[in-house]
Amino acid sequence: MSNTATAPTPVRSIPPHPKKGHWLFGNVYHLLKDPITYLRESSPQFKGIFTLTSRLINIVVITEPEYVKYVMLDNNKNYKKWFKNDVLELILGKGLLTSEGDFWRKQRRLAQPAFHKERLVKMVDTMTSCTEQQIIKLGQLSNKKHVDISTEMMELTLNIVAGAMFTTHVEGAIEVVSREIERTSEMATARFNNPFRLPVKYPTPVNLRERKAVKNLDDVLNPIIRERRKSTEEHHDLLAMLMEAKDEDTGEQMSDQQLRDETMTIFLAGHETTALALSWLWYLLDNNPVQAQKLYDEIDQVTQGRTPTLEHLQQMPYTRMVMDEALRLYPPAWMIMRENLEDDEIGGYRIPKGYTFMIPVYEIHHDVRLWDEPDAFKPERFSKENAKNHHRFAYFPFGGGPRQCIGNNFALMEMQIIIVMMLQKFRFKVSAGFKPEKYPMVTLRMKHGMMVDVEKRN
């Protein structure tokens, strides 16, 4: 009997992408130019991992679900969020989206109870009343052609998150927040598109406008927080829940600055992604009439035209399947970026510390190895029977691991309420001659909006 030990599998270098590119940007240039197309063409050539190189940055792209699980869950402490957007940091401060390490973990523990499902029940009335107001507005546009429904959804979801955050607010606060949040979102996207602009600390005209927009937001939010501190009135909104939160070990609560940062994070991250998901969903329903009719039938049968309640939502499995399939096809958070703090090994590949990791959620959601007819709209993929066959990191529109989006339950409940109430009243038909163009920036936007004809249902 031999005592010879089995030789360990040698550690390999990550395969490089062979396509050449720019003298400075290397083959990362193709990623900047058209990331979704480039990744869809590139990924099948490799076994779930490859590198893109340039003189400025080296990127490891991972599309194998097990590798994604390793980075986002199994060894997540070795992978920090990758941010090169100082506008986001200016806007959000040390909110959950931008903070790291022990500070992030402490904030996450403090904020998590505010988003428990039983606390979110108190938000249903806000969601339904805001949606009813948007329906009244859309009713005035019924039978009108070329309505940008993405703008309408942005307005609605911002009103909902504002109402959920502040059940009472100073006169005009929501209008200011709406205007400045939209401006700061555009600024963050613009800087993402042009990473060579001077940092915000330099007083260029554009940077001064960015700082002014953030100051306008602070001038609204900070007084609300200070006044709430003094108030003896009982509130049941998100701000109250965040203010009440205490660290289990120390009893410490959030400072005013922390409340400001988390409030800003919820505003910025909590409205755009939901609005984009809904806008893509209306497009999908118009292009898939059989599935759309099945959705209409479920809504009509369960609600009988009444304002939806939580009990109604729980009786609508097909509506949830439609939502999941729309989020698979058009995930608003279309990519996730990380950076490894120490040397590591993934799938037998050596990873030196300091590498930038790209996890292309959109590509994984469309991977032919993981999904049958990946570009087809098939809500039945997410039936109870079928959903259990998916790898947990083959479908992850809200991220995964400890940094999974804290507001996922809020967003899903909000989406379902909006879908039900809107489709009780309307059909959204993509306007003749219009074809949406994917615009993958910080989020998966549409380059020219989502133009529809609003038709009343009989």
Protein backbone atom coordinates (compact mmCIF):
# COMPACT_ATOMS: atom_id res chain seq x y z
CA MET A 1 0.00 0.00 0.00
CA SER A 2 1.50 3.32 -1.10
CA ASN A 3 1.98 6.14 1.40
CA THR A 4 2.42 8.70 -1.35
CA ALA A 5 0.09 11.65 -0.80
CA THR A 6 -2.01 12.94 -3.68
CA ALA A 7 -0.34 15.98 -5.21
CA PRO A 8 -2.32 19.19 -4.67
CA THR A 9 -3.92 20.80 -7.67
CA PRO A 10 -1.56 23.54 -8.85
CA VAL A 11 -2.77 27.11 -8.40
CA ARG A 12 -3.31 28.75 -11.78
CA SER A 13 -3.29 32.30 -13.02
CA ILE A 14 -6.62 33.72 -14.11
CA PRO A 15 -7.07 33.49 -17.89
CA PRO A 16 -6.76 36.89 -19.58
CA HIS A 17 -9.28 38.10 -22.12
CA PRO A 18 -7.50 37.88 -25.48
CA LYS A 19 -9.17 40.87 -27.16
CA LYS A 20 -6.81 43.82 -27.46
CA GLY A 21 -7.93 47.38 -26.98
CA HIS A 22 -6.81 50.91 -26.24
CA TRP A 23 -3.14 51.74 -25.55
CA LEU A 24 -4.09 53.10 -22.12
CA PHE A 25 -7.39 51.41 -21.24
CA GLY A 26 -6.46 48.00 -22.68
CA ASN A 27 -9.41 45.67 -23.19
CA VAL A 28 -11.22 47.44 -20.34
CA TYR A 29 -12.01 49.95 -23.11
CA HIS A 30 -14.58 47.54 -24.58
CA LEU A 31 -16.22 47.22 -21.18
CA LEU A 32 -16.57 50.99 -20.91
CA LYS A 33 -17.92 51.29 -24.44
CA ASP A 34 -20.69 48.65 -24.31
CA PRO A 35 -20.44 46.55 -21.13
CA ILE A 36 -23.49 44.32 -21.53
CA THR A 37 -22.73 43.29 -25.12
CA TYR A 38 -19.04 42.82 -24.39
CA LEU A 39 -19.67 40.63 -21.36
CA ARG A 40 -22.29 38.54 -23.15
CA GLU A 41 -19.87 37.89 -26.00
CA SER A 42 -16.91 37.26 -23.70
CA SER A 43 -18.23 35.15 -20.84
CA PRO A 44 -18.94 31.93 -22.80
CA GLN A 45 -15.25 31.73 -23.77
CA PHE A 46 -14.20 31.16 -20.18
CA LYS A 47 -15.15 28.91 -17.26
CA GLY A 48 -16.66 31.54 -15.02
CA ILE A 49 -13.59 33.73 -14.47
CA PHE A 50 -11.33 35.93 -16.59
CA THR A 51 -9.36 39.18 -16.41
CA LEU A 52 -9.52 42.49 -18.23
CA THR A 53 -6.32 44.51 -18.12
CA SER A 54 -5.22 48.10 -18.68
CA ARG A 55 -2.48 50.46 -17.55
CA LEU A 56 -4.89 51.91 -14.96
CA ILE A 57 -6.86 48.99 -13.57
CA ASN A 58 -7.06 45.20 -13.66
CA ILE A 59 -10.49 43.64 -13.37
CA VAL A 60 -11.42 40.08 -12.50
CA VAL A 61 -14.82 39.16 -13.96
CA ILE A 62 -16.60 36.25 -12.27
CA THR A 63 -19.76 34.66 -13.64
CA GLU A 64 -19.69 31.22 -12.00
CA PRO A 65 -22.33 31.19 -9.21
CA GLU A 66 -20.05 29.29 -6.82
CA TYR A 67 -17.33 31.88 -7.28
CA VAL A 68 -19.85 34.65 -6.68
CA LYS A 69 -21.02 32.90 -3.53
CA TYR A 70 -17.41 32.69 -2.32
CA VAL A 71 -16.81 36.42 -2.79
CA MET A 72 -20.17 37.68 -1.50
CA LEU A 73 -20.82 35.16 1.26
CA ASP A 74 -18.21 32.53 2.16
CA ASN A 75 -15.21 34.87 2.37
CA ASN A 76 -17.02 38.21 2.26
CA LYS A 77 -14.81 39.85 4.90
CA ASN A 78 -11.92 39.77 2.43
CA TYR A 79 -13.91 41.73 -0.16
CA LYS A 80 -14.80 45.36 0.38
CA LYS A 81 -17.11 47.45 -1.75
CA TRP A 82 -15.34 49.16 -4.61
CA PHE A 83 -16.13 52.87 -4.87
CA LYS A 84 -14.44 55.35 -7.17
CA ASN A 85 -17.36 57.78 -7.13
CA ASP A 86 -16.76 60.59 -4.66
CA VAL A 87 -20.12 62.17 -5.49
CA LEU A 88 -21.84 59.13 -3.97
CA GLU A 89 -19.68 59.50 -0.87
CA LEU A 90 -20.48 63.22 -0.72
CA ILE A 91 -24.21 62.47 -0.96
CA LEU A 92 -24.41 59.41 1.27
CA GLY A 93 -21.64 60.04 3.79
CA LYS A 94 -21.13 56.85 5.78
CA GLY A 95 -24.48 55.28 4.96
CA LEU A 96 -24.89 51.54 4.50
CA LEU A 97 -24.17 51.76 0.78
CA THR A 98 -20.73 53.34 1.21
CA SER A 99 -19.44 52.41 4.68
CA GLU A 100 -17.18 49.43 5.44
CA GLY A 101 -15.85 47.24 8.23
CA ASP A 102 -16.92 47.49 11.86
CA PHE A 103 -18.74 50.78 11.33
CA TRP A 104 -20.86 49.24 8.56
CA ARG A 105 -21.63 46.16 10.69
CA LYS A 106 -22.75 48.35 13.58
CA GLN A 107 -24.98 50.47 11.31
CA ARG A 108 -26.45 47.40 9.68
CA ARG A 109 -27.41 45.96 13.08
CA LEU A 110 -29.02 49.25 14.06
CA ALA A 111 -30.96 49.71 10.82
CA GLN A 112 -32.06 46.12 10.20
CA PRO A 113 -35.09 46.07 12.56
CA ALA A 114 -36.69 48.99 10.69
CA PHE A 115 -36.96 46.76 7.62
CA HIS A 116 -38.37 43.64 9.24
CA LYS A 117 -41.54 42.50 7.52
CA GLU A 118 -43.76 43.13 10.53
CA ARG A 119 -42.57 46.77 10.67
CA LEU A 120 -43.17 47.23 6.95
CA VAL A 121 -46.86 46.43 7.36
CA LYS A 122 -47.27 49.99 8.63
CA MET A 123 -46.07 51.26 5.24
CA VAL A 124 -48.90 49.70 3.19
CA ASP A 125 -51.21 52.69 3.54
CA THR A 126 -48.46 55.04 2.37
CA MET A 127 -47.79 52.86 -0.66
CA THR A 128 -51.45 52.56 -1.65
CA SER A 129 -52.27 56.25 -1.12
CA CYS A 130 -49.27 57.45 -3.15
CA THR A 131 -50.11 55.00 -5.92
CA GLU A 132 -53.73 56.20 -5.94
CA GLN A 133 -52.52 59.78 -6.45
CA GLN A 134 -50.32 58.69 -9.36
CA ILE A 135 -53.27 56.79 -10.87
CA ILE A 136 -55.34 59.99 -10.77
CA LYS A 137 -52.55 61.78 -12.63
CA LEU A 138 -52.21 58.98 -15.19
CA GLY A 139 -55.99 58.96 -15.61
CA GLN A 140 -55.69 62.47 -16.98
CA LEU A 141 -53.16 61.13 -19.48
CA SER A 142 -55.26 58.12 -20.49
CA ASN A 143 -55.51 57.58 -24.23
CA LYS A 144 -52.50 59.89 -24.56
CA LYS A 145 -49.56 58.64 -26.58
CA HIS A 146 -45.82 58.83 -25.89
CA VAL A 147 -45.88 59.15 -22.10
CA ASP A 148 -42.51 58.50 -20.46
CA ILE A 149 -43.68 55.98 -17.89
CA SER A 150 -40.20 55.79 -16.33
CA THR A 151 -40.54 59.43 -15.23
CA GLU A 152 -43.96 58.66 -13.74
CA MET A 153 -42.55 55.67 -11.86
CA MET A 154 -39.64 57.74 -10.53
CA GLU A 155 -42.08 60.31 -9.19
CA LEU A 156 -44.25 57.64 -7.60
CA THR A 157 -41.47 55.66 -5.91
CA LEU A 158 -39.84 58.83 -4.58
CA ASN A 159 -43.16 59.93 -3.09
CA ILE A 160 -43.55 56.50 -1.49
CA VAL A 161 -40.08 56.45 0.06
CA ALA A 162 -40.57 60.03 1.27
CA GLY A 163 -43.92 59.14 2.83
CA ALA A 164 -42.43 56.04 4.43
CA MET A 165 -39.51 58.01 5.80
CA PHE A 166 -41.52 60.96 7.15
CA THR A 167 -45.19 60.57 8.00
CA THR A 168 -45.11 64.29 8.73
CA HIS A 169 -42.80 66.77 7.09
CA VAL A 170 -42.21 70.46 6.76
CA GLU A 171 -44.03 72.31 4.00
CA GLY A 172 -42.33 71.80 0.63
CA ALA A 173 -39.76 69.30 1.94
CA ILE A 174 -40.74 66.49 -0.41
CA GLU A 175 -40.63 68.78 -3.42
CA VAL A 176 -37.08 69.86 -2.58
CA VAL A 177 -35.97 66.31 -1.84
CA SER A 178 -37.50 65.10 -5.11
CA ARG A 179 -35.73 67.75 -7.16
CA GLU A 180 -32.33 67.46 -5.51
CA ILE A 181 -32.29 63.65 -5.29
CA GLU A 182 -32.90 63.53 -9.04
CA ARG A 183 -30.07 66.00 -9.60
CA THR A 184 -27.64 64.14 -7.39
CA SER A 185 -28.56 60.83 -9.07
CA GLU A 186 -27.75 62.35 -12.44
CA MET A 187 -24.48 63.75 -11.10
CA ALA A 188 -23.38 60.39 -9.69
CA THR A 189 -24.22 58.73 -13.02
CA ALA A 190 -22.36 61.41 -14.99
CA ARG A 191 -19.24 60.94 -12.85
CA PHE A 192 -19.49 57.18 -13.30
CA ASN A 193 -19.50 57.79 -17.06
CA ASN A 194 -16.49 60.13 -16.84
CA PRO A 195 -14.14 58.91 -14.10
CA PHE A 196 -11.41 61.38 -15.09
CA ARG A 197 -13.27 64.45 -13.85
CA LEU A 198 -11.61 66.29 -10.98
CA PRO A 199 -12.70 65.14 -7.48
CA VAL A 200 -15.53 67.10 -5.87
CA LYS A 201 -13.12 68.89 -3.51
CA TYR A 202 -11.91 71.02 -6.42
CA PRO A 203 -14.14 74.09 -7.03
CA THR A 204 -14.97 73.54 -10.68
CA PRO A 205 -18.39 74.78 -11.86
CA VAL A 206 -19.74 71.22 -12.09
CA ASN A 207 -18.36 70.27 -8.68
CA LEU A 208 -19.83 73.39 -7.11
CA ARG A 209 -23.25 72.44 -8.50
CA GLU A 210 -22.85 68.96 -7.01
CA ARG A 211 -21.99 70.36 -3.61
CA LYS A 212 -24.87 72.86 -3.81
CA ALA A 213 -27.38 70.06 -4.54
CA VAL A 214 -26.18 68.09 -1.52
CA LYS A 215 -26.35 71.22 0.67
CA ASN A 216 -29.94 71.78 -0.45
CA LEU A 217 -30.78 68.26 0.66
CA ASP A 218 -29.01 68.74 3.98
CA ASP A 219 -30.90 71.99 4.56
CA VAL A 220 -34.16 70.02 4.36
CA LEU A 221 -33.23 66.77 6.11
CA ASN A 222 -31.17 68.03 9.03
CA PRO A 223 -33.90 70.32 10.47
CA ILE A 224 -36.43 67.47 10.19
CA ILE A 225 -34.10 65.22 12.18
CA ARG A 226 -33.47 67.93 14.81
CA GLU A 227 -37.18 68.69 15.19
CA ARG A 228 -38.01 65.00 15.50
CA ARG A 229 -35.47 64.70 18.32
CA LYS A 230 -37.44 67.31 20.25
CA SER A 231 -40.88 65.92 19.45
CA THR A 232 -42.90 63.96 21.98
CA GLU A 233 -45.39 62.85 19.33
CA GLU A 234 -45.42 59.15 18.43
CA HIS A 235 -44.43 58.29 14.86
CA HIS A 236 -44.42 55.01 12.94
CA ASP A 237 -42.25 55.93 9.96
CA LEU A 238 -38.76 54.80 8.97
CA LEU A 239 -37.10 57.80 10.59
CA ALA A 240 -38.75 56.95 13.93
CA MET A 241 -37.64 53.34 13.63
CA LEU A 242 -34.06 54.38 12.89
CA MET A 243 -34.08 56.83 15.80
CA GLU A 244 -35.40 54.19 18.20
CA ALA A 245 -32.80 51.58 17.21
CA LYS A 246 -30.26 50.70 19.91
CA ASP A 247 -27.10 48.65 19.79
CA GLU A 248 -27.82 45.45 21.74
CA ASP A 249 -24.39 45.48 23.40
CA THR A 250 -23.83 49.15 24.18
CA GLY A 251 -27.31 50.70 24.03
CA GLU A 252 -25.85 53.32 21.68
CA GLN A 253 -28.17 54.97 19.14
CA MET A 254 -27.50 56.69 15.82
CA SER A 255 -26.14 60.22 15.89
CA ASP A 256 -27.82 62.96 13.86
CA GLN A 257 -25.10 62.57 11.22
CA GLN A 258 -25.69 58.83 10.98
CA LEU A 259 -29.42 59.40 10.67
CA ARG A 260 -28.79 61.92 7.90
CA ASP A 261 -26.52 59.49 6.01
CA GLU A 262 -28.93 56.55 6.29
CA THR A 263 -31.89 58.76 5.34
CA MET A 264 -30.04 59.95 2.25
CA THR A 265 -29.07 56.38 1.37
CA ILE A 266 -32.67 55.19 1.61
CA PHE A 267 -33.86 58.07 -0.57
CA LEU A 268 -31.24 57.58 -3.25
CA ALA A 269 -31.13 53.79 -3.34
CA GLY A 270 -34.76 53.23 -2.45
CA HIS A 271 -36.60 54.86 -5.31
CA GLU A 272 -34.64 54.65 -8.57
CA THR A 273 -34.11 50.88 -8.60
CA THR A 274 -37.79 50.14 -8.00
CA ALA A 275 -38.88 52.67 -10.62
CA LEU A 276 -36.55 51.15 -13.20
CA ALA A 277 -37.74 47.61 -12.44
CA LEU A 278 -41.37 48.69 -12.90
CA SER A 279 -40.61 50.52 -16.16
CA TRP A 280 -38.94 47.44 -17.65
CA LEU A 281 -41.82 45.31 -16.41
CA TRP A 282 -44.42 47.37 -18.32
CA TYR A 283 -42.31 46.85 -21.44
CA LEU A 284 -42.16 43.10 -20.88
CA LEU A 285 -45.91 42.79 -20.33
CA ASP A 286 -46.69 44.59 -23.58
CA ASN A 287 -44.36 42.26 -25.46
CA ASN A 288 -45.77 39.12 -23.81
CA PRO A 289 -49.58 39.36 -24.03
CA VAL A 290 -50.29 35.78 -22.89
CA GLN A 291 -48.44 36.27 -19.62
CA ALA A 292 -49.91 39.76 -19.26
CA GLN A 293 -53.45 38.42 -19.52
CA LYS A 294 -52.73 35.77 -16.92
CA LEU A 295 -51.51 38.54 -14.61
CA TYR A 296 -54.62 40.69 -15.25
CA ASP A 297 -56.84 37.69 -14.51
CA GLU A 298 -55.12 36.97 -11.18
CA ILE A 299 -55.34 40.61 -10.09
CA ASP A 300 -59.02 40.91 -11.04
CA GLN A 301 -59.99 37.61 -9.44
CA VAL A 302 -58.23 38.26 -6.13
CA THR A 303 -58.95 41.96 -5.59
CA GLN A 304 -62.33 42.35 -7.33
CA GLY A 305 -61.28 45.94 -8.04
CA ARG A 306 -60.57 46.76 -4.37
CA THR A 307 -57.44 48.44 -3.03
CA PRO A 308 -54.98 45.60 -2.38
CA THR A 309 -54.23 44.50 1.17
CA LEU A 310 -51.43 42.30 2.46
CA GLU A 311 -53.88 39.40 2.43
CA HIS A 312 -54.53 40.02 -1.26
CA LEU A 313 -50.83 40.13 -2.06
CA GLN A 314 -50.30 36.77 -0.40
CA GLN A 315 -52.90 35.25 -2.72
CA MET A 316 -51.11 36.37 -5.90
CA PRO A 317 -48.30 33.89 -6.66
CA TYR A 318 -48.24 34.67 -10.37
CA THR A 319 -47.76 38.39 -9.71
CA ARG A 320 -44.67 37.57 -7.66
CA MET A 321 -43.39 35.27 -10.42
CA VAL A 322 -43.78 38.10 -12.94
CA MET A 323 -41.82 40.42 -10.64
CA ASP A 324 -39.01 37.92 -10.20
CA GLU A 325 -38.75 37.27 -13.93
CA ALA A 326 -38.67 41.02 -14.70
CA LEU A 327 -35.90 41.46 -12.11
CA ARG A 328 -34.01 38.56 -13.69
CA LEU A 329 -34.21 40.01 -17.21
CA TYR A 330 -33.58 43.63 -16.21
CA PRO A 331 -31.87 43.77 -12.80
CA PRO A 332 -31.59 47.46 -11.82
CA ALA A 333 -28.35 46.74 -9.95
CA TRP A 334 -26.87 45.16 -13.06
CA MET A 335 -23.35 44.73 -11.68
CA ILE A 336 -21.58 44.50 -8.33
CA MET A 337 -17.99 45.60 -7.70
CA ARG A 338 -15.62 44.41 -4.99
CA GLU A 339 -11.94 44.63 -4.08
CA ASN A 340 -10.00 41.93 -2.23
CA LEU A 341 -8.07 43.01 0.86
CA GLU A 342 -5.71 40.02 0.97
CA ASP A 343 -4.38 37.40 -1.44
CA ASP A 344 -6.95 34.72 -2.14
CA GLU A 345 -7.71 31.67 -4.24
CA ILE A 346 -10.92 31.08 -6.17
CA GLY A 347 -11.57 27.87 -8.07
CA GLY A 348 -7.88 27.10 -8.11
CA TYR A 349 -6.97 30.54 -9.43
CA ARG A 350 -4.52 32.76 -7.56
CA ILE A 351 -5.85 36.27 -6.78
CA PRO A 352 -3.30 38.85 -5.56
CA LYS A 353 -4.70 41.42 -3.12
CA GLY A 354 -5.98 44.71 -4.44
CA TYR A 355 -7.72 43.34 -7.53
CA THR A 356 -11.00 44.87 -8.67
CA PHE A 357 -13.77 42.30 -9.04
CA MET A 358 -16.75 42.71 -11.32
CA ILE A 359 -19.81 40.50 -10.76
CA PRO A 360 -22.04 41.12 -13.80
CA VAL A 361 -25.49 40.34 -12.43
CA TYR A 362 -27.12 40.95 -15.81
CA GLU A 363 -24.86 38.45 -17.56
CA ILE A 364 -25.35 35.78 -14.89
CA HIS A 365 -29.13 36.28 -15.10
CA HIS A 366 -28.87 35.59 -18.86
CA ASP A 367 -26.32 32.78 -18.77
CA VAL A 368 -27.42 29.92 -21.04
CA ARG A 369 -25.69 27.46 -18.69
CA LEU A 370 -28.02 28.50 -15.88
CA TRP A 371 -31.28 29.38 -17.65
CA ASP A 372 -33.30 27.72 -20.38
CA GLU A 373 -34.01 30.31 -23.09
CA PRO A 374 -32.44 33.02 -20.93
CA ASP A 375 -33.78 35.95 -22.97
CA ALA A 376 -37.39 34.73 -22.90
CA PHE A 377 -39.97 36.08 -20.43
CA LYS A 378 -41.07 32.95 -18.55
CA PRO A 379 -42.45 33.78 -15.08
CA GLU A 380 -43.03 30.09 -14.36
CA ARG A 381 -39.30 29.76 -13.73
CA PHE A 382 -40.08 31.15 -10.29
CA SER A 383 -42.90 28.83 -9.29
CA LYS A 384 -42.28 27.07 -5.97
CA GLU A 385 -41.38 23.89 -7.82
CA ASN A 386 -38.94 25.50 -10.24
CA ALA A 387 -37.36 28.19 -8.04
CA LYS A 388 -35.74 25.63 -5.73
CA ASN A 389 -33.66 24.36 -8.67
CA HIS A 390 -31.83 27.68 -9.10
CA HIS A 391 -28.43 28.26 -7.54
CA ARG A 392 -28.83 31.03 -4.95
CA PHE A 393 -26.30 33.12 -6.88
CA ALA A 394 -27.79 32.47 -10.29
CA TYR A 395 -30.54 34.96 -9.39
CA PHE A 396 -29.65 37.78 -6.99
CA PRO A 397 -31.19 41.12 -8.01
CA PHE A 398 -30.73 42.46 -4.47
CA GLY A 399 -27.18 41.19 -4.03
CA GLY A 400 -26.35 38.52 -1.50
CA GLY A 401 -24.48 37.68 1.66
CA PRO A 402 -24.25 40.14 4.58
CA ARG A 403 -24.48 43.13 2.23
CA GLN A 404 -27.71 42.08 0.57
CA CYS A 405 -29.94 45.12 0.07
CA ILE A 406 -31.54 45.93 3.44
CA GLY A 407 -34.65 47.27 1.70
CA ASN A 408 -35.46 44.23 -0.45
CA ASN A 409 -38.69 43.39 1.38
CA PHE A 410 -39.80 47.03 1.21
CA ALA A 411 -39.09 47.13 -2.54
CA LEU A 412 -40.90 43.86 -3.28
CA MET A 413 -44.01 44.87 -1.34
CA GLU A 414 -43.97 48.30 -2.99
CA MET A 415 -43.59 46.80 -6.46
CA GLN A 416 -46.44 44.37 -5.97
CA ILE A 417 -48.82 47.05 -4.70
CA ILE A 418 -47.99 49.36 -7.61
CA ILE A 419 -48.37 46.57 -10.18
CA VAL A 420 -51.75 45.51 -8.83
CA MET A 421 -53.18 49.01 -8.54
CA MET A 422 -51.87 50.22 -11.90
CA LEU A 423 -53.07 47.17 -13.79
CA GLN A 424 -56.51 47.40 -12.21
CA LYS A 425 -56.87 50.64 -14.19
CA PHE A 426 -54.48 50.69 -17.15
CA ARG A 427 -52.68 48.91 -19.93
CA PHE A 428 -49.32 50.33 -20.91
CA LYS A 429 -48.62 49.86 -24.61
CA VAL A 430 -45.14 50.63 -25.88
CA SER A 431 -45.50 53.57 -28.26
CA ALA A 432 -45.32 52.79 -31.98
CA GLY A 433 -41.77 52.97 -33.30
CA PHE A 434 -40.21 53.15 -29.85
CA LYS A 435 -37.64 50.60 -28.74
CA PRO A 436 -36.00 51.04 -25.33
CA GLU A 437 -32.24 51.11 -25.27
CA LYS A 438 -30.40 49.71 -22.26
CA TYR A 439 -28.17 52.30 -20.59
CA PRO A 440 -26.01 50.47 -18.03
CA MET A 441 -24.59 53.08 -15.70
CA VAL A 442 -24.72 52.85 -11.89
CA THR A 443 -28.13 51.27 -12.51
CA LEU A 444 -29.69 49.72 -15.61
CA ARG A 445 -31.49 52.73 -17.02
CA MET A 446 -33.19 53.34 -20.37
CA LYS A 447 -31.28 55.78 -22.56
CA HIS A 448 -34.40 57.54 -23.82
CA GLY A 449 -36.92 56.66 -21.14
CA MET A 450 -39.81 54.22 -21.65
CA MET A 451 -42.39 55.73 -23.98
CA VAL A 452 -45.86 54.18 -23.70
CA ASP A 453 -49.46 54.86 -24.62
CA VAL A 454 -51.65 54.85 -21.50
CA GLU A 455 -54.89 52.99 -22.12
CA LYS A 456 -57.72 52.64 -19.60
CA ARG A 457 -58.95 49.12 -18.95
CA ASN A 458 -62.68 48.60 -19.39
